[in-house]
Amino acid sequence: MAPEDLTVYLNGERVSSAIMDYDPDPLMIYAIPMQIPGNMVKAGKNTLRFEVSNPSAYRGFLATITYSQAGKEEIR
């Protein structure tokens, strides 16, 4: 549901970290949008890793991942 600490890695490199915010009653989770810089993405396989810490009674993790692929005309 709401990890307390979150760190995001792409290909072993730290992208971002955050302290998550939520209210337990009623349960309300506040999203923290993160963007991965294009220069961190490599051709071929990329590995996205999330490290979470959550000692609270509300355990779990949910991520929405959206990506777009640029064509050559968009890169120039």
N, C-alpha and C. Protein backbone atom coordinates (compact mmCIF):
# COMPACT_ATOMS: atom_id res chain seq x y z
N MET A 1 0.83 -1.19 0.00
CA MET A 1 0.00 0.00 0.00
C MET A 1 0.87 1.26 0.00
N ALA A 2 1.57 1.50 1.08
CA ALA A 2 2.34 2.73 1.16
C ALA A 2 3.68 2.49 1.84
N PRO A 3 4.72 2.26 1.08
CA PRO A 3 6.02 2.11 1.73
C PRO A 3 6.43 3.43 2.36
N GLU A 4 7.24 3.38 3.39
CA GLU A 4 7.70 4.62 4.00
C GLU A 4 8.87 5.21 3.24
N ASP A 5 9.80 4.37 2.82
CA ASP A 5 10.96 4.83 2.05
C ASP A 5 10.99 4.08 0.73
N LEU A 6 11.32 4.79 -0.32
CA LEU A 6 11.37 4.20 -1.65
C LEU A 6 12.61 4.71 -2.37
N THR A 7 13.36 3.80 -2.98
CA THR A 7 14.49 4.16 -3.82
C THR A 7 14.32 3.43 -5.15
N VAL A 8 14.51 4.15 -6.25
CA VAL A 8 14.34 3.59 -7.59
C VAL A 8 15.71 3.56 -8.28
N TYR A 9 16.00 2.41 -8.90
CA TYR A 9 17.26 2.22 -9.63
C TYR A 9 16.96 1.81 -11.06
N LEU A 10 17.78 2.27 -11.99
CA LEU A 10 17.72 1.82 -13.38
C LEU A 10 19.11 1.32 -13.75
N ASN A 11 19.19 0.06 -14.13
CA ASN A 11 20.47 -0.56 -14.50
C ASN A 11 21.52 -0.39 -13.41
N GLY A 12 21.08 -0.48 -12.14
CA GLY A 12 21.99 -0.40 -11.00
C GLY A 12 22.33 1.01 -10.55
N GLU A 13 21.87 2.03 -11.27
CA GLU A 13 22.14 3.41 -10.89
C GLU A 13 20.91 4.01 -10.23
N ARG A 14 21.13 4.72 -9.12
CA ARG A 14 20.03 5.34 -8.39
C ARG A 14 19.40 6.45 -9.24
N VAL A 15 18.09 6.36 -9.42
CA VAL A 15 17.34 7.36 -10.18
C VAL A 15 16.78 8.41 -9.23
N SER A 16 16.14 7.93 -8.15
CA SER A 16 15.49 8.85 -7.22
C SER A 16 15.15 8.11 -5.94
N SER A 17 14.86 8.87 -4.89
CA SER A 17 14.36 8.28 -3.65
C SER A 17 13.34 9.25 -3.06
N ALA A 18 12.50 8.71 -2.19
CA ALA A 18 11.44 9.53 -1.61
C ALA A 18 10.98 8.94 -0.29
N ILE A 19 10.42 9.78 0.54
CA ILE A 19 9.72 9.35 1.74
C ILE A 19 8.24 9.47 1.41
N MET A 20 7.55 8.36 1.46
CA MET A 20 6.15 8.33 1.05
C MET A 20 5.25 8.90 2.14
N ASP A 21 4.13 9.44 1.73
CA ASP A 21 3.18 10.04 2.65
C ASP A 21 1.82 9.37 2.48
N TYR A 22 1.20 9.01 3.58
CA TYR A 22 -0.14 8.42 3.54
C TYR A 22 -0.85 8.66 4.86
N ASP A 23 -2.16 8.61 4.83
CA ASP A 23 -3.00 8.68 6.02
C ASP A 23 -3.58 7.30 6.26
N PRO A 24 -3.50 6.78 7.51
CA PRO A 24 -3.96 5.41 7.76
C PRO A 24 -5.47 5.26 7.90
N ASP A 25 -6.20 6.30 8.30
CA ASP A 25 -7.63 6.10 8.57
C ASP A 25 -8.44 7.34 8.19
N PRO A 26 -9.18 7.30 7.11
CA PRO A 26 -9.25 6.22 6.13
C PRO A 26 -7.97 6.22 5.30
N LEU A 27 -7.63 5.06 4.78
CA LEU A 27 -6.37 4.90 4.05
C LEU A 27 -6.37 5.77 2.80
N MET A 28 -5.39 6.67 2.73
CA MET A 28 -5.22 7.54 1.57
C MET A 28 -3.73 7.58 1.26
N ILE A 29 -3.37 7.22 0.03
CA ILE A 29 -1.97 7.18 -0.38
C ILE A 29 -1.74 8.32 -1.36
N TYR A 30 -0.66 9.04 -1.17
CA TYR A 30 -0.35 10.17 -2.03
C TYR A 30 0.76 9.78 -3.00
N ALA A 31 0.48 9.86 -4.27
CA ALA A 31 1.42 9.46 -5.32
C ALA A 31 2.59 10.44 -5.39
N ILE A 32 3.74 9.91 -5.74
CA ILE A 32 4.93 10.73 -5.97
C ILE A 32 5.43 10.40 -7.38
N PRO A 33 5.12 11.25 -8.36
CA PRO A 33 5.59 10.98 -9.72
C PRO A 33 7.11 11.10 -9.81
N MET A 34 7.72 10.22 -10.56
CA MET A 34 9.16 10.26 -10.80
C MET A 34 9.40 10.07 -12.30
N GLN A 35 10.39 10.77 -12.82
CA GLN A 35 10.75 10.59 -14.22
C GLN A 35 12.18 10.07 -14.31
N ILE A 36 12.40 9.20 -15.25
CA ILE A 36 13.75 8.68 -15.49
C ILE A 36 14.34 9.46 -16.66
N PRO A 37 15.49 10.10 -16.46
CA PRO A 37 16.11 10.84 -17.55
C PRO A 37 16.42 9.91 -18.72
N GLY A 38 16.16 10.37 -19.92
CA GLY A 38 16.37 9.56 -21.12
C GLY A 38 17.79 9.07 -21.29
N ASN A 39 18.77 9.85 -20.79
CA ASN A 39 20.16 9.44 -20.96
C ASN A 39 20.54 8.25 -20.07
N MET A 40 19.66 7.86 -19.13
CA MET A 40 19.92 6.68 -18.29
C MET A 40 19.44 5.39 -18.96
N VAL A 41 18.61 5.52 -19.98
CA VAL A 41 18.08 4.35 -20.68
C VAL A 41 19.07 3.96 -21.77
N LYS A 42 19.39 2.66 -21.82
CA LYS A 42 20.34 2.18 -22.81
C LYS A 42 19.63 1.34 -23.86
N ALA A 43 20.25 1.14 -24.98
CA ALA A 43 19.70 0.27 -26.02
C ALA A 43 19.67 -1.16 -25.49
N GLY A 44 18.63 -1.88 -25.81
CA GLY A 44 18.51 -3.26 -25.35
C GLY A 44 17.78 -3.35 -24.02
N LYS A 45 18.17 -4.30 -23.20
CA LYS A 45 17.50 -4.58 -21.93
C LYS A 45 17.87 -3.54 -20.87
N ASN A 46 16.86 -3.04 -20.15
CA ASN A 46 17.04 -2.15 -19.01
C ASN A 46 16.35 -2.79 -17.82
N THR A 47 16.94 -2.64 -16.64
CA THR A 47 16.38 -3.24 -15.43
C THR A 47 15.98 -2.14 -14.46
N LEU A 48 14.71 -2.11 -14.11
CA LEU A 48 14.15 -1.14 -13.17
C LEU A 48 13.95 -1.85 -11.84
N ARG A 49 14.52 -1.32 -10.76
CA ARG A 49 14.43 -1.95 -9.44
C ARG A 49 13.88 -0.95 -8.42
N PHE A 50 12.97 -1.41 -7.58
CA PHE A 50 12.40 -0.60 -6.51
C PHE A 50 12.80 -1.21 -5.18
N GLU A 51 13.37 -0.43 -4.28
CA GLU A 51 13.65 -0.87 -2.92
C GLU A 51 12.72 -0.11 -2.00
N VAL A 52 11.97 -0.84 -1.19
CA VAL A 52 11.00 -0.21 -0.29
C VAL A 52 11.23 -0.67 1.14
N SER A 53 10.91 0.21 2.06
CA SER A 53 10.96 -0.09 3.49
C SER A 53 9.59 0.26 4.06
N ASN A 54 9.00 -0.68 4.77
CA ASN A 54 7.65 -0.44 5.27
C ASN A 54 7.40 -1.22 6.56
N PRO A 55 7.72 -0.62 7.72
CA PRO A 55 7.46 -1.30 8.99
C PRO A 55 6.04 -1.11 9.51
N SER A 56 5.20 -0.37 8.79
CA SER A 56 3.85 -0.08 9.27
C SER A 56 2.92 -1.28 9.09
N ALA A 57 1.72 -1.17 9.63
CA ALA A 57 0.72 -2.23 9.50
C ALA A 57 0.17 -2.31 8.07
N TYR A 58 0.30 -1.24 7.30
CA TYR A 58 -0.19 -1.20 5.92
C TYR A 58 0.97 -1.57 5.00
N ARG A 59 1.05 -2.84 4.63
CA ARG A 59 2.18 -3.30 3.82
C ARG A 59 1.76 -3.56 2.39
N GLY A 60 2.69 -3.35 1.49
CA GLY A 60 2.46 -3.61 0.08
C GLY A 60 3.14 -2.54 -0.75
N PHE A 61 3.09 -2.72 -2.05
CA PHE A 61 3.72 -1.77 -2.96
C PHE A 61 2.98 -1.81 -4.28
N LEU A 62 2.70 -0.64 -4.83
CA LEU A 62 2.00 -0.54 -6.11
C LEU A 62 2.68 0.55 -6.92
N ALA A 63 3.01 0.23 -8.15
CA ALA A 63 3.63 1.22 -9.05
C ALA A 63 2.89 1.22 -10.37
N THR A 64 2.68 2.39 -10.90
CA THR A 64 2.14 2.55 -12.24
C THR A 64 3.29 3.04 -13.11
N ILE A 65 3.62 2.29 -14.13
CA ILE A 65 4.75 2.63 -14.99
C ILE A 65 4.24 2.95 -16.39
N THR A 66 4.58 4.12 -16.88
CA THR A 66 4.21 4.55 -18.22
C THR A 66 5.50 4.86 -18.98
N TYR A 67 5.60 4.40 -20.21
CA TYR A 67 6.79 4.70 -20.98
C TYR A 67 6.39 5.07 -22.41
N SER A 68 7.30 5.79 -23.06
CA SER A 68 7.10 6.10 -24.47
C SER A 68 8.43 5.88 -25.18
N GLN A 69 8.34 5.53 -26.42
CA GLN A 69 9.53 5.28 -27.22
C GLN A 69 9.65 6.37 -28.27
N ALA A 70 10.78 7.04 -28.29
CA ALA A 70 10.99 8.12 -29.25
C ALA A 70 11.52 7.54 -30.57
N GLY A 71 11.03 8.10 -31.66
CA GLY A 71 11.56 7.74 -32.97
C GLY A 71 12.77 8.62 -33.27
N LYS A 72 13.49 8.33 -34.33
CA LYS A 72 14.67 9.12 -34.66
C LYS A 72 14.35 10.59 -34.85
N GLU A 73 13.19 10.88 -35.43
CA GLU A 73 12.83 12.28 -35.66
C GLU A 73 12.58 13.03 -34.36
N GLU A 74 12.23 12.31 -33.27
CA GLU A 74 11.99 12.96 -31.98
C GLU A 74 13.29 13.20 -31.23
N ILE A 75 14.33 12.45 -31.54
CA ILE A 75 15.59 12.55 -30.81
C ILE A 75 16.42 13.73 -31.31
N ARG A 76 16.33 14.03 -32.59
CA ARG A 76 17.16 15.07 -33.19
C ARG A 76 16.90 16.43 -32.64
